[in-house]
Amino acid sequence: MPEFQMPVADSREWEKLDAFTQGFIEAAFFSETACFTMAEWFEPETQHAIAEGQSDGNIPSDCDTSHIHPDSLKEIAEFCAKFQADAAELLSRAYARDYDETQAGRDFYFTHTGAGVGYWDREILEPQGDEWEATEIPLDQWTPELRATRERLKAESIGELLTKAAGSGEVNPFFGDHVDYDDAPFVHFSIY
């Protein structure tokens, strides 16, 4: 199977996004790209096929990053930023294992939407000995809470912990017009 290539229209705009958010968007396009093009999208036959569930995605095959509606791009960036802030300690531990931010963003999308892969499925995120051995905290200063956290983290994989942090929800892309931006079609996202 050929590797998925994210269709990037304006690399300057794309580069403004952090790697995590880029990975999230890449996973959405990978998962939701349809066999129909933008020119075919509003044809009655295509709309019938989409309504009948005969389309393999909700993003036309010739869409690229420039077609993401500005409001949706902002919503995606905020959603990703919130998760990164909430899971900063876990992500830091994952990145220390040669697991990159782009893959973490992809796995956030896959995990949150319930795809067949995600954080829980990454071998690199499985327990690897006692990561707390190299801590800067002297043993005589360990609190019961720190000891309990240490034992919990030794037992659970980072992947499982990130899976819990990601939760489950929906990321629903759709292609259509927007009243505030003329009648140009955009890819819109609803995130729950």
Protein backbone atom coordinates (compact mmCIF):
# COMPACT_ATOMS: atom_id res chain seq x y z
CA MET A 1 0.00 0.00 0.00
CA PRO A 2 1.45 3.42 -0.91
CA GLU A 3 2.19 5.85 1.89
CA PHE A 4 -0.45 8.55 2.40
CA GLN A 5 0.79 11.97 1.33
CA MET A 6 -0.98 14.89 2.99
CA PRO A 7 -2.12 17.33 0.30
CA VAL A 8 -0.63 20.66 1.40
CA ALA A 9 -1.59 23.70 -0.67
CA ASP A 10 0.26 26.52 1.07
CA SER A 11 3.30 25.26 2.93
CA ARG A 12 3.75 28.61 4.73
CA GLU A 13 0.33 28.30 6.35
CA TRP A 14 0.87 24.60 7.06
CA GLU A 15 4.21 25.29 8.73
CA LYS A 16 2.51 27.69 11.16
CA LEU A 17 0.77 24.69 12.73
CA ASP A 18 2.65 22.64 15.30
CA ALA A 19 3.62 19.10 14.31
CA PHE A 20 0.98 17.57 16.63
CA THR A 21 -1.84 19.49 14.92
CA GLN A 22 -0.43 18.65 11.49
CA GLY A 23 -0.53 14.96 12.44
CA PHE A 24 -4.13 15.26 13.65
CA ILE A 25 -5.22 16.86 10.36
CA GLU A 26 -3.25 14.32 8.34
CA ALA A 27 -5.05 11.46 10.13
CA ALA A 28 -8.43 13.11 9.48
CA PHE A 29 -7.69 13.43 5.77
CA PHE A 30 -6.33 9.88 5.63
CA SER A 31 -9.47 8.52 7.30
CA GLU A 32 -12.07 10.69 5.60
CA THR A 33 -10.97 11.23 1.98
CA ALA A 34 -13.70 10.09 -0.40
CA CYS A 35 -13.46 8.73 -3.91
CA PHE A 36 -15.40 11.72 -5.28
CA THR A 37 -13.81 15.01 -6.37
CA MET A 38 -15.01 18.51 -5.53
CA ALA A 39 -16.48 18.85 -9.05
CA GLU A 40 -18.53 15.68 -8.53
CA TRP A 41 -19.47 16.35 -4.91
CA PHE A 42 -22.74 18.23 -5.43
CA GLU A 43 -23.99 16.10 -8.34
CA PRO A 44 -27.26 14.32 -7.52
CA GLU A 45 -25.70 10.86 -8.04
CA THR A 46 -22.85 11.66 -5.66
CA GLN A 47 -25.16 13.13 -3.02
CA HIS A 48 -27.34 10.02 -3.30
CA ALA A 49 -24.28 7.77 -2.86
CA ILE A 50 -23.17 9.79 0.17
CA ALA A 51 -26.67 9.65 1.69
CA GLU A 52 -26.75 5.88 1.17
CA GLY A 53 -23.38 5.43 2.87
CA GLN A 54 -21.64 4.47 -0.37
CA SER A 55 -18.93 7.08 -0.01
CA ASP A 56 -15.76 6.11 1.80
CA GLY A 57 -15.31 9.53 3.41
CA ASN A 58 -16.59 13.08 3.77
CA ILE A 59 -13.70 15.00 2.20
CA PRO A 60 -13.45 15.16 -1.61
CA SER A 61 -10.35 13.44 -2.98
CA ASP A 62 -8.87 16.61 -4.47
CA CYS A 63 -9.16 18.75 -1.31
CA ASP A 64 -6.02 19.98 0.36
CA THR A 65 -5.20 22.00 3.46
CA SER A 66 -6.31 25.26 1.81
CA HIS A 67 -9.88 23.92 1.73
CA ILE A 68 -10.16 23.66 5.51
CA HIS A 69 -12.48 26.39 6.69
CA PRO A 70 -10.63 28.97 8.86
CA ASP A 71 -13.05 28.47 11.77
CA SER A 72 -12.54 24.70 11.61
CA LEU A 73 -8.77 25.07 11.45
CA LYS A 74 -8.93 27.25 14.56
CA GLU A 75 -11.15 24.70 16.33
CA ILE A 76 -8.77 21.85 15.47
CA ALA A 77 -5.74 23.84 16.66
CA GLU A 78 -7.47 24.70 19.96
CA PHE A 79 -8.63 21.10 20.47
CA CYS A 80 -5.09 19.81 19.91
CA ALA A 81 -3.52 22.53 22.09
CA LYS A 82 -5.86 21.72 24.99
CA PHE A 83 -5.03 18.03 24.82
CA GLN A 84 -1.31 18.75 24.61
CA ALA A 85 -1.53 20.99 27.69
CA ASP A 86 -3.66 18.49 29.63
CA ALA A 87 -1.41 15.52 28.74
CA ALA A 88 1.92 17.40 28.72
CA GLU A 89 3.67 15.10 31.21
CA LEU A 90 2.62 11.94 29.38
CA LEU A 91 3.50 13.36 25.97
CA SER A 92 6.90 14.44 27.29
CA ARG A 93 7.56 10.89 28.44
CA ALA A 94 6.43 9.54 25.06
CA TYR A 95 8.68 11.96 23.15
CA ALA A 96 11.64 10.84 25.24
CA ARG A 97 11.15 7.42 23.67
CA ASP A 98 11.74 8.51 20.07
CA TYR A 99 8.01 8.93 19.48
CA ASP A 100 7.44 12.12 17.52
CA GLU A 101 4.83 14.85 17.80
CA THR A 102 3.36 14.22 14.35
CA GLN A 103 2.64 10.59 15.24
CA ALA A 104 1.23 11.71 18.58
CA GLY A 105 -1.21 14.00 16.73
CA ARG A 106 -2.21 11.18 14.38
CA ASP A 107 -2.72 8.86 17.33
CA PHE A 108 -4.80 11.49 19.13
CA TYR A 109 -7.18 11.58 16.16
CA PHE A 110 -7.27 7.78 15.83
CA THR A 111 -7.71 7.21 19.58
CA HIS A 112 -10.33 9.91 20.10
CA THR A 113 -12.43 8.71 17.14
CA GLY A 114 -12.17 5.02 18.06
CA ALA A 115 -10.17 3.88 15.04
CA GLY A 116 -8.46 0.49 15.07
CA VAL A 117 -5.10 2.01 16.04
CA GLY A 118 -3.98 4.67 18.46
CA TYR A 119 -1.88 5.32 21.53
CA TRP A 120 -2.80 1.97 23.08
CA ASP A 121 -1.43 0.17 19.99
CA ARG A 122 2.11 1.63 19.97
CA GLU A 123 4.78 -0.75 21.19
CA ILE A 124 7.13 2.15 21.88
CA LEU A 125 4.68 3.41 24.51
CA GLU A 126 4.64 0.16 26.51
CA PRO A 127 6.28 0.03 29.97
CA GLN A 128 10.08 0.01 29.76
CA GLY A 129 11.45 -0.65 33.21
CA ASP A 130 11.44 1.97 35.90
CA GLU A 131 11.54 5.39 34.25
CA TRP A 132 11.59 6.97 37.69
CA GLU A 133 15.01 5.59 38.64
CA ALA A 134 16.78 8.64 37.22
CA THR A 135 14.61 11.10 39.11
CA GLU A 136 16.17 14.16 40.70
CA ILE A 137 14.11 13.72 43.88
CA PRO A 138 16.13 12.14 46.74
CA LEU A 139 14.48 9.01 48.10
CA ASP A 140 14.09 10.53 51.59
CA GLN A 141 11.89 13.27 50.06
CA TRP A 142 9.46 10.94 48.31
CA THR A 143 5.91 11.47 49.52
CA PRO A 144 3.32 8.68 49.64
CA GLU A 145 1.66 10.34 46.63
CA LEU A 146 4.89 10.27 44.62
CA ARG A 147 5.45 6.62 45.53
CA ALA A 148 1.89 5.72 44.47
CA THR A 149 2.29 7.62 41.19
CA ARG A 150 5.59 5.85 40.57
CA GLU A 151 4.02 2.43 41.09
CA ARG A 152 1.03 3.28 38.89
CA LEU A 153 3.24 4.53 36.08
CA LYS A 154 5.47 1.47 36.32
CA ALA A 155 2.41 -0.75 35.87
CA GLU A 156 0.59 1.13 33.10
CA SER A 157 1.87 1.90 29.65
CA ILE A 158 2.13 5.47 28.45
CA GLY A 159 -0.08 4.39 25.57
CA GLU A 160 -2.86 3.29 27.91
CA LEU A 161 -2.58 6.49 29.93
CA LEU A 162 -2.69 8.64 26.77
CA THR A 163 -5.69 6.63 25.56
CA LYS A 164 -7.53 7.46 28.79
CA ALA A 165 -6.52 11.12 28.47
CA ALA A 166 -7.70 11.31 24.85
CA GLY A 167 -11.14 10.01 25.69
CA SER A 168 -13.58 9.15 22.97
CA GLY A 169 -15.64 11.40 20.80
CA GLU A 170 -16.29 12.40 17.25
CA VAL A 171 -14.46 14.41 14.63
CA ASN A 172 -16.89 14.91 11.78
CA PRO A 173 -15.65 16.55 8.60
CA PHE A 174 -18.09 17.67 5.94
CA PHE A 175 -17.69 19.50 2.67
CA GLY A 176 -20.01 22.39 1.86
CA ASP A 177 -20.67 26.08 1.56
CA HIS A 178 -20.41 28.61 4.34
CA VAL A 179 -22.66 31.65 4.47
CA ASP A 180 -20.04 33.99 5.92
CA TYR A 181 -17.42 33.27 3.25
CA ASP A 182 -19.32 33.56 -0.03
CA ASP A 183 -20.35 30.32 -1.63
CA ALA A 184 -16.88 28.80 -1.88
CA PRO A 185 -16.98 25.24 -0.55
CA PHE A 186 -14.83 24.40 2.45
CA VAL A 187 -14.03 21.35 4.55
CA HIS A 188 -15.66 21.96 7.91
CA PHE A 189 -15.04 19.97 11.10
CA SER A 190 -17.30 19.37 14.07
CA ILE A 191 -15.42 18.06 17.09
CA TYR A 192 -17.09 16.49 20.10
